[in-house]
C-alpha cells in the first residue's frame, strides 16, 4: 500500500476515497479518528488515503484531474414545460 493523499480532515479523505471508488480503485483511509484525540494541538497530516501499489499512478492522476477541474459557481434551471427542467 502507498499513501497517495494527505487529507485536511476526515470529510476530505472520504471525498477522495469516494472519487477513487467511482473509478473502481479500492482506497483506504488511515488516521480518520486521530483528529479527535489531538484536542487543540495542531493536527496536520494525520488523515491519509492509500491504495495498493499497482493503482498508485492512476489514482494520483484521478486526484490531480479532480483538483484541476473548474468550479461551477451557480447552476440555472430552465423550465421546458410539462414539469420538465434542464440545468445549464
N, C-alpha and C. Protein backbone atom coordinates (compact mmCIF):
# COMPACT_ATOMS: atom_id res chain seq x y z
N UNK A 1 0.85 -1.18 0.00
CA UNK A 1 0.00 0.00 0.00
C UNK A 1 0.89 1.23 0.00
N UNK A 2 0.37 2.27 -0.65
CA UNK A 2 1.11 3.52 -0.75
C UNK A 2 0.16 4.68 -0.46
N UNK A 3 0.64 5.65 0.32
CA UNK A 3 -0.16 6.84 0.61
C UNK A 3 -0.15 7.72 -0.63
N UNK A 4 -1.34 8.10 -1.09
CA UNK A 4 -1.42 8.93 -2.28
C UNK A 4 -2.00 10.31 -2.00
N UNK A 5 -2.54 10.51 -0.78
CA UNK A 5 -3.20 11.78 -0.49
C UNK A 5 -3.16 12.06 1.00
N UNK A 6 -2.74 13.26 1.37
CA UNK A 6 -2.79 13.73 2.76
C UNK A 6 -3.99 14.65 2.86
N UNK A 7 -5.00 14.22 3.59
CA UNK A 7 -6.26 14.95 3.67
C UNK A 7 -6.23 16.00 4.76
N UNK A 8 -7.00 17.06 4.56
CA UNK A 8 -7.13 18.11 5.56
C UNK A 8 -7.94 17.63 6.76
N UNK A 9 -8.90 16.72 6.49
CA UNK A 9 -9.75 16.21 7.56
C UNK A 9 -10.45 14.94 7.05
N UNK A 10 -11.29 14.39 7.89
CA UNK A 10 -11.99 13.15 7.56
C UNK A 10 -12.91 13.32 6.35
N UNK A 11 -13.61 14.43 6.27
CA UNK A 11 -14.51 14.68 5.14
C UNK A 11 -13.74 14.71 3.82
N UNK A 12 -12.62 15.40 3.82
CA UNK A 12 -11.76 15.48 2.64
C UNK A 12 -11.30 14.08 2.22
N UNK A 13 -10.87 13.28 3.17
CA UNK A 13 -10.42 11.92 2.88
C UNK A 13 -11.53 11.07 2.30
N UNK A 14 -12.72 11.18 2.85
CA UNK A 14 -13.84 10.38 2.35
C UNK A 14 -14.28 10.82 0.96
N UNK A 15 -14.14 12.10 0.64
CA UNK A 15 -14.46 12.56 -0.73
C UNK A 15 -13.48 11.93 -1.72
N UNK A 16 -12.19 11.92 -1.38
CA UNK A 16 -11.19 11.33 -2.27
C UNK A 16 -11.40 9.82 -2.39
N UNK A 17 -11.68 9.17 -1.28
CA UNK A 17 -11.95 7.73 -1.31
C UNK A 17 -13.13 7.43 -2.22
N UNK A 18 -14.21 8.20 -2.09
CA UNK A 18 -15.38 8.01 -2.94
C UNK A 18 -15.08 8.24 -4.41
N UNK A 19 -14.28 9.27 -4.69
CA UNK A 19 -13.88 9.56 -6.07
C UNK A 19 -13.13 8.38 -6.66
N UNK A 20 -12.19 7.84 -5.92
CA UNK A 20 -11.40 6.70 -6.42
C UNK A 20 -12.26 5.46 -6.58
N UNK A 21 -13.17 5.23 -5.65
CA UNK A 21 -14.03 4.05 -5.76
C UNK A 21 -14.99 4.15 -6.93
N UNK A 22 -15.38 5.37 -7.34
CA UNK A 22 -16.19 5.53 -8.55
C UNK A 22 -15.41 5.08 -9.77
N UNK A 23 -14.09 5.19 -9.70
CA UNK A 23 -13.22 4.77 -10.81
C UNK A 23 -12.72 3.34 -10.60
N UNK A 24 -13.38 2.61 -9.70
CA UNK A 24 -13.09 1.21 -9.41
C UNK A 24 -11.68 0.98 -8.87
N UNK A 25 -11.21 1.93 -8.04
CA UNK A 25 -9.94 1.79 -7.33
C UNK A 25 -10.26 1.73 -5.84
N UNK A 26 -9.91 0.62 -5.21
CA UNK A 26 -10.18 0.47 -3.78
C UNK A 26 -9.21 1.36 -3.01
N UNK A 27 -9.75 2.18 -2.12
CA UNK A 27 -8.94 3.12 -1.33
C UNK A 27 -9.18 2.88 0.15
N UNK A 28 -8.19 3.25 0.94
CA UNK A 28 -8.24 3.05 2.38
C UNK A 28 -7.88 4.34 3.10
N UNK A 29 -8.60 4.66 4.16
CA UNK A 29 -8.33 5.86 4.95
C UNK A 29 -7.65 5.43 6.25
N UNK A 30 -6.55 6.10 6.56
CA UNK A 30 -5.86 5.87 7.82
C UNK A 30 -5.89 7.16 8.64
N UNK A 31 -6.00 7.01 9.95
CA UNK A 31 -5.94 8.16 10.85
C UNK A 31 -7.21 8.96 10.93
N UNK A 32 -8.30 8.42 10.44
CA UNK A 32 -9.56 9.16 10.39
C UNK A 32 -10.03 9.60 11.77
N UNK A 33 -9.77 8.80 12.77
CA UNK A 33 -10.28 9.12 14.11
C UNK A 33 -9.22 9.73 15.02
N UNK A 34 -8.03 9.96 14.50
CA UNK A 34 -6.96 10.55 15.32
C UNK A 34 -7.17 12.03 15.58
N UNK A 35 -7.91 12.71 14.73
CA UNK A 35 -8.12 14.14 14.89
C UNK A 35 -8.81 14.46 16.20
N UNK A 36 -9.74 13.63 16.62
CA UNK A 36 -10.47 13.87 17.87
C UNK A 36 -9.56 13.77 19.08
N UNK A 37 -8.54 12.94 19.01
CA UNK A 37 -7.63 12.77 20.13
C UNK A 37 -6.60 13.87 20.24
N UNK A 38 -6.44 14.66 19.20
CA UNK A 38 -5.42 15.71 19.21
C UNK A 38 -5.84 16.91 20.03
N UNK A 39 -7.14 17.07 20.26
CA UNK A 39 -7.62 18.22 21.04
C UNK A 39 -7.29 19.52 20.35
N UNK A 40 -6.61 20.41 21.07
CA UNK A 40 -6.27 21.71 20.50
C UNK A 40 -4.89 21.72 19.84
N UNK A 41 -4.21 20.59 19.84
CA UNK A 41 -2.91 20.52 19.19
C UNK A 41 -3.08 20.58 17.68
N UNK A 42 -2.11 21.11 16.96
CA UNK A 42 -2.21 21.11 15.50
C UNK A 42 -2.26 19.67 14.99
N UNK A 43 -3.23 19.39 14.17
CA UNK A 43 -3.43 18.03 13.68
C UNK A 43 -3.18 17.97 12.18
N UNK A 44 -1.94 18.13 11.78
CA UNK A 44 -1.61 18.13 10.36
C UNK A 44 -1.15 16.74 9.92
N UNK A 45 -1.53 16.37 8.74
CA UNK A 45 -1.11 15.11 8.10
C UNK A 45 -1.47 13.86 8.89
N UNK A 46 -2.54 13.91 9.64
CA UNK A 46 -2.97 12.73 10.39
C UNK A 46 -3.82 11.80 9.54
N UNK A 47 -4.59 12.36 8.63
CA UNK A 47 -5.53 11.57 7.83
C UNK A 47 -4.95 11.40 6.43
N UNK A 48 -4.82 10.14 6.00
CA UNK A 48 -4.26 9.86 4.69
C UNK A 48 -5.16 8.89 3.93
N UNK A 49 -5.01 8.88 2.62
CA UNK A 49 -5.72 7.93 1.76
C UNK A 49 -4.65 7.11 1.04
N UNK A 50 -4.83 5.79 1.07
CA UNK A 50 -3.87 4.89 0.44
C UNK A 50 -4.56 3.98 -0.57
N UNK A 51 -3.78 3.49 -1.51
CA UNK A 51 -4.25 2.49 -2.47
C UNK A 51 -3.16 1.42 -2.58
N UNK A 52 -3.49 0.31 -3.21
CA UNK A 52 -2.45 -0.70 -3.43
C UNK A 52 -1.47 -0.15 -4.47
N UNK A 53 -0.25 -0.61 -4.39
CA UNK A 53 0.84 -0.06 -5.21
C UNK A 53 0.53 -0.05 -6.71
N UNK A 54 -0.14 -1.05 -7.21
CA UNK A 54 -0.39 -1.12 -8.65
C UNK A 54 -1.35 -0.04 -9.15
N UNK A 55 -2.07 0.62 -8.25
CA UNK A 55 -3.01 1.68 -8.65
C UNK A 55 -2.49 3.09 -8.35
N UNK A 56 -1.25 3.20 -7.88
CA UNK A 56 -0.72 4.49 -7.44
C UNK A 56 -0.78 5.57 -8.54
N UNK A 57 -0.26 5.28 -9.70
CA UNK A 57 -0.19 6.29 -10.76
C UNK A 57 -1.58 6.71 -11.21
N UNK A 58 -2.44 5.73 -11.45
CA UNK A 58 -3.81 6.02 -11.89
C UNK A 58 -4.56 6.85 -10.85
N UNK A 59 -4.42 6.49 -9.58
CA UNK A 59 -5.10 7.22 -8.51
C UNK A 59 -4.61 8.66 -8.42
N UNK A 60 -3.31 8.86 -8.53
CA UNK A 60 -2.76 10.22 -8.48
C UNK A 60 -3.25 11.06 -9.66
N UNK A 61 -3.38 10.45 -10.83
CA UNK A 61 -3.89 11.15 -12.00
C UNK A 61 -5.35 11.55 -11.80
N UNK A 62 -6.14 10.68 -11.22
CA UNK A 62 -7.56 10.98 -10.96
C UNK A 62 -7.69 12.13 -9.98
N UNK A 63 -6.90 12.10 -8.92
CA UNK A 63 -6.95 13.17 -7.92
C UNK A 63 -6.48 14.50 -8.53
N UNK A 64 -5.43 14.47 -9.33
CA UNK A 64 -4.93 15.69 -9.98
C UNK A 64 -5.99 16.28 -10.91
N UNK A 65 -6.66 15.42 -11.67
CA UNK A 65 -7.71 15.90 -12.57
C UNK A 65 -8.87 16.50 -11.79
N UNK A 66 -9.21 15.90 -10.67
CA UNK A 66 -10.30 16.41 -9.83
C UNK A 66 -9.94 17.77 -9.25
N UNK A 67 -8.69 17.91 -8.80
CA UNK A 67 -8.25 19.19 -8.23
C UNK A 67 -8.19 20.30 -9.29
N UNK A 68 -7.91 19.95 -10.53
CA UNK A 68 -7.78 20.98 -11.58
C UNK A 68 -9.09 21.26 -12.31
N UNK A 69 -10.14 20.54 -11.98
CA UNK A 69 -11.44 20.75 -12.63
C UNK A 69 -12.00 22.12 -12.26
N UNK A 70 -12.66 22.77 -13.20
CA UNK A 70 -13.24 24.09 -12.89
C UNK A 70 -14.39 23.97 -11.90
N UNK A 71 -14.53 24.99 -11.10
CA UNK A 71 -15.62 25.04 -10.12
C UNK A 71 -16.80 25.76 -10.77
N UNK A 72 -17.95 25.12 -10.75
CA UNK A 72 -19.16 25.73 -11.29
C UNK A 72 -19.81 26.51 -10.16
N UNK A 73 -19.88 27.81 -10.32
CA UNK A 73 -20.39 28.69 -9.26
C UNK A 73 -21.89 28.54 -9.03
N UNK A 74 -22.66 28.52 -10.12
CA UNK A 74 -24.11 28.50 -9.97
C UNK A 74 -24.72 27.79 -11.15
N UNK A 75 -25.77 27.07 -10.88
CA UNK A 75 -26.49 26.36 -11.90
C UNK A 75 -27.83 27.05 -12.12
N UNK A 76 -28.21 27.26 -13.36
CA UNK A 76 -29.52 27.85 -13.63
C UNK A 76 -30.45 26.77 -14.16
N UNK A 77 -31.67 26.81 -13.72
CA UNK A 77 -32.68 25.83 -14.14
C UNK A 77 -33.63 26.52 -15.13
N UNK A 78 -33.78 25.92 -16.29
CA UNK A 78 -34.66 26.46 -17.31
C UNK A 78 -35.86 25.54 -17.48
N UNK A 79 -37.07 26.04 -17.20
CA UNK A 79 -38.25 25.19 -17.37
C UNK A 79 -38.52 24.91 -18.84
N UNK A 80 -38.86 23.68 -19.17
CA UNK A 80 -39.17 23.29 -20.54
C UNK A 80 -40.65 23.08 -20.77
N UNK A 81 -41.42 23.15 -19.73
CA UNK A 81 -42.84 22.86 -19.86
C UNK A 81 -43.11 21.42 -19.47
N UNK A 82 -44.34 21.11 -19.23
CA UNK A 82 -44.75 19.76 -18.82
C UNK A 82 -44.01 19.27 -17.56
N UNK A 83 -43.57 20.22 -16.72
CA UNK A 83 -42.91 19.86 -15.47
C UNK A 83 -41.46 19.41 -15.62
N UNK A 84 -40.88 19.55 -16.80
CA UNK A 84 -39.50 19.15 -17.03
C UNK A 84 -38.58 20.35 -16.85
N UNK A 85 -37.45 20.15 -16.25
CA UNK A 85 -36.44 21.19 -16.06
C UNK A 85 -35.09 20.71 -16.56
N UNK A 86 -34.31 21.62 -17.10
CA UNK A 86 -32.98 21.30 -17.56
C UNK A 86 -32.00 22.26 -16.90
N UNK A 87 -30.89 21.73 -16.38
CA UNK A 87 -29.86 22.56 -15.74
C UNK A 87 -28.82 22.94 -16.77
N UNK A 88 -28.44 24.21 -16.78
CA UNK A 88 -27.38 24.71 -17.66
C UNK A 88 -26.30 25.33 -16.84
